[in-house]
Amino acid sequence: MKANMGTADKTIRTLLAITIGVLYYLGVISGTLAIILGILALVFIVTSFISFCPLYLPFGISSRRRNT
């Protein structure tokens, strides 16, 4: 796996995952919506840590800064 996520992308994903966790903890989201968003938050965290998003691959997208 070649890294295809930049720092800004990882930061945004991590903040969204934290926000989802806080909303769940405070009881703002629950039920099916909480399960779906929880899974999405886990995916965001995992992809942030490994710096690779599989959905970027087929489209040739990379938010990682290239060294020149």
PDB file of N, CA and C in Angstrom:
ATOM      1  N   MET A   1       0.841  -1.178   0.000  1.00  0.00           N
ATOM      2  CA  MET A   1       0.000   0.000   0.000  1.00  0.00           C
ATOM      3  C   MET A   1       0.888   1.244   0.000  1.00  0.00           C
ATOM      4  N   LYS A   2       0.656   2.067  -0.960  1.00  0.00           N
ATOM      5  CA  LYS A   2       1.389   3.315  -1.038  1.00  0.00           C
ATOM      6  C   LYS A   2       0.531   4.413  -0.397  1.00  0.00           C
ATOM      7  N   ALA A   3       1.114   5.180   0.506  1.00  0.00           N
ATOM      8  CA  ALA A   3       0.373   6.233   1.209  1.00  0.00           C
ATOM      9  C   ALA A   3      -0.219   7.219   0.202  1.00  0.00           C
ATOM     10  N   ASN A   4      -1.484   7.555   0.388  1.00  0.00           N
ATOM     11  CA  ASN A   4      -2.134   8.506  -0.511  1.00  0.00           C
ATOM     12  C   ASN A   4      -2.940   9.569   0.248  1.00  0.00           C
ATOM     13  N   MET A   5      -2.635   9.737   1.538  1.00  0.00           N
ATOM     14  CA  MET A   5      -3.339  10.729   2.342  1.00  0.00           C
ATOM     15  C   MET A   5      -2.351  11.719   2.939  1.00  0.00           C
ATOM     16  N   GLY A   6      -2.674  12.995   2.820  1.00  0.00           N
ATOM     17  CA  GLY A   6      -1.844  14.038   3.387  1.00  0.00           C
ATOM     18  C   GLY A   6      -2.233  14.355   4.820  1.00  0.00           C
ATOM     19  N   THR A   7      -1.484  15.257   5.416  1.00  0.00           N
ATOM     20  CA  THR A   7      -1.702  15.628   6.816  1.00  0.00           C
ATOM     21  C   THR A   7      -3.074  16.248   7.037  1.00  0.00           C
ATOM     22  N   ALA A   8      -3.479  17.150   6.151  1.00  0.00           N
ATOM     23  CA  ALA A   8      -4.785  17.803   6.305  1.00  0.00           C
ATOM     24  C   ALA A   8      -5.916  16.779   6.224  1.00  0.00           C
ATOM     25  N   ASP A   9      -5.815  15.848   5.292  1.00  0.00           N
ATOM     26  CA  ASP A   9      -6.827  14.809   5.125  1.00  0.00           C
ATOM     27  C   ASP A   9      -6.929  13.948   6.379  1.00  0.00           C
ATOM     28  N   LYS A  10      -5.780  13.544   6.929  1.00  0.00           N
ATOM     29  CA  LYS A  10      -5.772  12.727   8.147  1.00  0.00           C
ATOM     30  C   LYS A  10      -6.339  13.499   9.334  1.00  0.00           C
ATOM     31  N   THR A  11      -6.014  14.775   9.436  1.00  0.00           N
ATOM     32  CA  THR A  11      -6.510  15.600  10.538  1.00  0.00           C
ATOM     33  C   THR A  11      -8.029  15.746  10.473  1.00  0.00           C
ATOM     34  N   ILE A  12      -8.549  16.008   9.297  1.00  0.00           N
ATOM     35  CA  ILE A  12     -10.003  16.161   9.125  1.00  0.00           C
ATOM     36  C   ILE A  12     -10.724  14.862   9.471  1.00  0.00           C
ATOM     37  N   ARG A  13     -10.210  13.740   9.001  1.00  0.00           N
ATOM     38  CA  ARG A  13     -10.837  12.445   9.296  1.00  0.00           C
ATOM     39  C   ARG A  13     -10.825  12.145  10.797  1.00  0.00           C
ATOM     40  N   THR A  14      -9.708  12.449  11.446  1.00  0.00           N
ATOM     41  CA  THR A  14      -9.602  12.208  12.886  1.00  0.00           C
ATOM     42  C   THR A  14     -10.575  13.094  13.656  1.00  0.00           C
ATOM     43  N   LEU A  15     -10.669  14.364  13.286  1.00  0.00           N
ATOM     44  CA  LEU A  15     -11.605  15.277  13.953  1.00  0.00           C
ATOM     45  C   LEU A  15     -13.055  14.846  13.747  1.00  0.00           C
ATOM     46  N   LEU A  16     -13.388  14.374  12.550  1.00  0.00           N
ATOM     47  CA  LEU A  16     -14.750  13.882  12.301  1.00  0.00           C
ATOM     48  C   LEU A  16     -15.043  12.648  13.161  1.00  0.00           C
ATOM     49  N   ALA A  17     -14.081  11.754  13.283  1.00  0.00           N
ATOM     50  CA  ALA A  17     -14.273  10.549  14.100  1.00  0.00           C
ATOM     51  C   ALA A  17     -14.466  10.925  15.571  1.00  0.00           C
ATOM     52  N   ILE A  18     -13.683  11.870  16.047  1.00  0.00           N
ATOM     53  CA  ILE A  18     -13.821  12.325  17.437  1.00  0.00           C
ATOM     54  C   ILE A  18     -15.178  12.974  17.647  1.00  0.00           C
ATOM     55  N   THR A  19     -15.606  13.780  16.686  1.00  0.00           N
ATOM     56  CA  THR A  19     -16.916  14.434  16.774  1.00  0.00           C
ATOM     57  C   THR A  19     -18.039  13.402  16.845  1.00  0.00           C
ATOM     58  N   ILE A  20     -17.957  12.376  16.022  1.00  0.00           N
ATOM     59  CA  ILE A  20     -18.968  11.314  16.048  1.00  0.00           C
ATOM     60  C   ILE A  20     -18.965  10.623  17.414  1.00  0.00           C
ATOM     61  N   GLY A  21     -17.788  10.352  17.945  1.00  0.00           N
ATOM     62  CA  GLY A  21     -17.689   9.725  19.266  1.00  0.00           C
ATOM     63  C   GLY A  21     -18.298  10.583  20.361  1.00  0.00           C
ATOM     64  N   VAL A  22     -18.045  11.879  20.325  1.00  0.00           N
ATOM     65  CA  VAL A  22     -18.600  12.800  21.322  1.00  0.00           C
ATOM     66  C   VAL A  22     -20.121  12.869  21.205  1.00  0.00           C
ATOM     67  N   LEU A  23     -20.625  12.944  19.965  1.00  0.00           N
ATOM     68  CA  LEU A  23     -22.076  12.989  19.764  1.00  0.00           C
ATOM     69  C   LEU A  23     -22.744  11.726  20.306  1.00  0.00           C
ATOM     70  N   TYR A  24     -22.091  10.578  20.113  1.00  0.00           N
ATOM     71  CA  TYR A  24     -22.640   9.332  20.651  1.00  0.00           C
ATOM     72  C   TYR A  24     -22.603   9.350  22.179  1.00  0.00           C
ATOM     73  N   TYR A  25     -21.486   9.768  22.733  1.00  0.00           N
ATOM     74  CA  TYR A  25     -21.320   9.802  24.187  1.00  0.00           C
ATOM     75  C   TYR A  25     -22.349  10.717  24.853  1.00  0.00           C
ATOM     76  N   LEU A  26     -22.642  11.842  24.204  1.00  0.00           N
ATOM     77  CA  LEU A  26     -23.609  12.796  24.754  1.00  0.00           C
ATOM     78  C   LEU A  26     -25.056  12.401  24.479  1.00  0.00           C
ATOM     79  N   GLY A  27     -25.267  11.344  23.719  1.00  0.00           N
ATOM     80  CA  GLY A  27     -26.614  10.864  23.439  1.00  0.00           C
ATOM     81  C   GLY A  27     -27.322  11.608  22.330  1.00  0.00           C
ATOM     82  N   VAL A  28     -26.599  12.384  21.562  1.00  0.00           N
ATOM     83  CA  VAL A  28     -27.202  13.126  20.455  1.00  0.00           C
ATOM     84  C   VAL A  28     -27.579  12.175  19.328  1.00  0.00           C
ATOM     85  N   ILE A  29     -26.751  11.156  19.096  1.00  0.00           N
ATOM     86  CA  ILE A  29     -27.075  10.150  18.089  1.00  0.00           C
ATOM     87  C   ILE A  29     -27.235   8.809  18.787  1.00  0.00           C
ATOM     88  N   SER A  30     -28.138   7.999  18.268  1.00  0.00           N
ATOM     89  CA  SER A  30     -28.367   6.673  18.848  1.00  0.00           C
ATOM     90  C   SER A  30     -28.971   5.762  17.789  1.00  0.00           C
ATOM     91  N   GLY A  31     -29.126   4.506  18.141  1.00  0.00           N
ATOM     92  CA  GLY A  31     -29.756   3.541  17.247  1.00  0.00           C
ATOM     93  C   GLY A  31     -28.939   3.233  16.013  1.00  0.00           C
ATOM     94  N   THR A  32     -29.642   3.025  14.920  1.00  0.00           N
ATOM     95  CA  THR A  32     -29.019   2.658  13.654  1.00  0.00           C
ATOM     96  C   THR A  32     -28.053   3.730  13.167  1.00  0.00           C
ATOM     97  N   LEU A  33     -28.434   4.985  13.316  1.00  0.00           N
ATOM     98  CA  LEU A  33     -27.559   6.086  12.892  1.00  0.00           C
ATOM     99  C   LEU A  33     -26.235   6.042  13.652  1.00  0.00           C
ATOM    100  N   ALA A  34     -26.291   5.764  14.944  1.00  0.00           N
ATOM    101  CA  ALA A  34     -25.076   5.692  15.753  1.00  0.00           C
ATOM    102  C   ALA A  34     -24.186   4.537  15.304  1.00  0.00           C
ATOM    103  N   ILE A  35     -24.788   3.415  14.947  1.00  0.00           N
ATOM    104  CA  ILE A  35     -24.009   2.265  14.476  1.00  0.00           C
ATOM    105  C   ILE A  35     -23.317   2.587  13.156  1.00  0.00           C
ATOM    106  N   ILE A  36     -24.056   3.153  12.225  1.00  0.00           N
ATOM    107  CA  ILE A  36     -23.490   3.501  10.921  1.00  0.00           C
ATOM    108  C   ILE A  36     -22.383   4.536  11.062  1.00  0.00           C
ATOM    109  N   LEU A  37     -22.631   5.582  11.828  1.00  0.00           N
ATOM    110  CA  LEU A  37     -21.615   6.617  12.018  1.00  0.00           C
ATOM    111  C   LEU A  37     -20.429   6.091  12.818  1.00  0.00           C
ATOM    112  N   GLY A  38     -20.669   5.167  13.729  1.00  0.00           N
ATOM    113  CA  GLY A  38     -19.579   4.559  14.488  1.00  0.00           C
ATOM    114  C   GLY A  38     -18.650   3.751  13.595  1.00  0.00           C
ATOM    115  N   ILE A  39     -19.234   2.995  12.682  1.00  0.00           N
ATOM    116  CA  ILE A  39     -18.429   2.239  11.721  1.00  0.00           C
ATOM    117  C   ILE A  39     -17.635   3.193  10.834  1.00  0.00           C
ATOM    118  N   LEU A  40     -18.279   4.260  10.384  1.00  0.00           N
ATOM    119  CA  LEU A  40     -17.605   5.266   9.566  1.00  0.00           C
ATOM    120  C   LEU A  40     -16.453   5.911  10.341  1.00  0.00           C
ATOM    121  N   ALA A  41     -16.671   6.186  11.616  1.00  0.00           N
ATOM    122  CA  ALA A  41     -15.620   6.777  12.453  1.00  0.00           C
ATOM    123  C   ALA A  41     -14.439   5.824  12.582  1.00  0.00           C
ATOM    124  N   LEU A  42     -14.715   4.532  12.759  1.00  0.00           N
ATOM    125  CA  LEU A  42     -13.634   3.545  12.836  1.00  0.00           C
ATOM    126  C   LEU A  42     -12.833   3.498  11.536  1.00  0.00           C
ATOM    127  N   VAL A  43     -13.528   3.541  10.411  1.00  0.00           N
ATOM    128  CA  VAL A  43     -12.846   3.551   9.117  1.00  0.00           C
ATOM    129  C   VAL A  43     -11.978   4.803   8.995  1.00  0.00           C
ATOM    130  N   PHE A  44     -12.513   5.948   9.416  1.00  0.00           N
ATOM    131  CA  PHE A  44     -11.735   7.189   9.372  1.00  0.00           C
ATOM    132  C   PHE A  44     -10.459   7.077  10.206  1.00  0.00           C
ATOM    133  N   ILE A  45     -10.577   6.519  11.401  1.00  0.00           N
ATOM    134  CA  ILE A  45      -9.416   6.390  12.291  1.00  0.00           C
ATOM    135  C   ILE A  45      -8.376   5.436  11.687  1.00  0.00           C
ATOM    136  N   VAL A  46      -8.827   4.294  11.207  1.00  0.00           N
ATOM    137  CA  VAL A  46      -7.898   3.312  10.636  1.00  0.00           C
ATOM    138  C   VAL A  46      -7.186   3.884   9.419  1.00  0.00           C
ATOM    139  N   THR A  47      -7.938   4.490   8.503  1.00  0.00           N
ATOM    140  CA  THR A  47      -7.308   5.045   7.302  1.00  0.00           C
ATOM    141  C   THR A  47      -6.371   6.199   7.643  1.00  0.00           C
ATOM    142  N   SER A  48      -6.678   6.948   8.689  1.00  0.00           N
ATOM    143  CA  SER A  48      -5.783   8.030   9.111  1.00  0.00           C
ATOM    144  C   SER A  48      -4.466   7.479   9.628  1.00  0.00           C
ATOM    145  N   PHE A  49      -4.523   6.404  10.415  1.00  0.00           N
ATOM    146  CA  PHE A  49      -3.303   5.831  10.979  1.00  0.00           C
ATOM    147  C   PHE A  49      -2.418   5.165   9.926  1.00  0.00           C
ATOM    148  N   ILE A  50      -3.026   4.551   8.922  1.00  0.00           N
ATOM    149  CA  ILE A  50      -2.215   3.878   7.902  1.00  0.00           C
ATOM    150  C   ILE A  50      -1.920   4.780   6.698  1.00  0.00           C
ATOM    151  N   SER A  51      -2.491   5.993   6.676  1.00  0.00           N
ATOM    152  CA  SER A  51      -2.271   6.974   5.605  1.00  0.00           C
ATOM    153  C   SER A  51      -2.653   6.451   4.226  1.00  0.00           C
ATOM    154  N   PHE A  52      -3.645   5.592   4.189  1.00  0.00           N
ATOM    155  CA  PHE A  52      -4.079   5.004   2.914  1.00  0.00           C
ATOM    156  C   PHE A  52      -5.592   4.908   2.884  1.00  0.00           C
ATOM    157  N   CYS A  53      -6.178   5.440   1.820  1.00  0.00           N
ATOM    158  CA  CYS A  53      -7.624   5.338   1.624  1.00  0.00           C
ATOM    159  C   CYS A  53      -7.881   4.493   0.381  1.00  0.00           C
ATOM    160  N   PRO A  54      -8.480   3.313   0.541  1.00  0.00           N
ATOM    161  CA  PRO A  54      -8.712   2.440  -0.612  1.00  0.00           C
ATOM    162  C   PRO A  54      -9.653   3.054  -1.652  1.00  0.00           C
ATOM    163  N   LEU A  55     -10.539   3.952  -1.251  1.00  0.00           N
ATOM    164  CA  LEU A  55     -11.443   4.575  -2.211  1.00  0.00           C
ATOM    165  C   LEU A  55     -10.732   5.569  -3.127  1.00  0.00           C
ATOM    166  N   TYR A  56      -9.579   6.071  -2.703  1.00  0.00           N
ATOM    167  CA  TYR A  56      -8.810   6.982  -3.545  1.00  0.00           C
ATOM    168  C   TYR A  56      -8.138   6.245  -4.698  1.00  0.00           C
ATOM    169  N   LEU A  57      -7.812   4.980  -4.492  1.00  0.00           N
ATOM    170  CA  LEU A  57      -7.028   4.211  -5.445  1.00  0.00           C
ATOM    171  C   LEU A  57      -7.642   4.127  -6.846  1.00  0.00           C
ATOM    172  N   PRO A  58      -8.907   3.712  -7.003  1.00  0.00           N
ATOM    173  CA  PRO A  58      -9.460   3.587  -8.355  1.00  0.00           C
ATOM    174  C   PRO A  58      -9.564   4.928  -9.099  1.00  0.00           C
ATOM    175  N   PHE A  59      -9.642   6.008  -8.346  1.00  0.00           N
ATOM    176  CA  PHE A  59      -9.788   7.325  -8.971  1.00  0.00           C
ATOM    177  C   PHE A  59      -8.459   8.050  -9.134  1.00  0.00           C
ATOM    178  N   GLY A  60      -7.393   7.458  -8.638  1.00  0.00           N
ATOM    179  CA  GLY A  60      -6.070   8.067  -8.753  1.00  0.00           C
ATOM    180  C   GLY A  60      -5.903   9.320  -7.915  1.00  0.00           C
ATOM    181  N   ILE A  61      -6.656   9.417  -6.836  1.00  0.00           N
ATOM    182  CA  ILE A  61      -6.610  10.597  -5.967  1.00  0.00           C
ATOM    183  C   ILE A  61      -5.516  10.426  -4.926  1.00  0.00           C
ATOM    184  N   SER A  62      -4.826  11.513  -4.634  1.00  0.00           N
ATOM    185  CA  SER A  62      -3.855  11.520  -3.550  1.00  0.00           C
ATOM    186  C   SER A  62      -3.830  12.912  -2.952  1.00  0.00           C
ATOM    187  N   SER A  63      -3.978  12.998  -1.651  1.00  0.00           N
ATOM    188  CA  SER A  63      -3.892  14.299  -0.976  1.00  0.00           C
ATOM    189  C   SER A  63      -2.523  14.479  -0.323  1.00  0.00           C
ATOM    190  N   ARG A  64      -1.649  13.525  -0.572  1.00  0.00           N
ATOM    191  CA  ARG A  64      -0.309  13.567  -0.013  1.00  0.00           C
ATOM    192  C   ARG A  64       0.568  14.526  -0.824  1.00  0.00           C
ATOM    193  N   ARG A  65       1.327  15.324  -0.126  1.00  0.00           N
ATOM    194  CA  ARG A  65       2.210  16.279  -0.773  1.00  0.00           C
ATOM    195  C   ARG A  65       3.386  15.536  -1.403  1.00  0.00           C
ATOM    196  N   ARG A  66       3.672  15.886  -2.623  1.00  0.00           N
ATOM    197  CA  ARG A  66       4.784  15.261  -3.332  1.00  0.00           C
ATOM    198  C   ARG A  66       6.085  16.015  -3.048  1.00  0.00           C
ATOM    199  N   ASN A  67       7.154  15.282  -2.814  1.00  0.00           N
ATOM    200  CA  ASN A  67       8.471  15.887  -2.629  1.00  0.00           C
ATOM    201  C   ASN A  67       9.070  16.206  -3.990  1.00  0.00           C
ATOM    202  N   THR A  68       9.545  17.440  -4.130  1.00  0.00           N
ATOM    203  CA  THR A  68      10.138  17.823  -5.408  1.00  0.00           C
ATOM    204  C   THR A  68      11.610  18.075  -5.271  1.00  0.00           C
TER     205      THR A  68
END
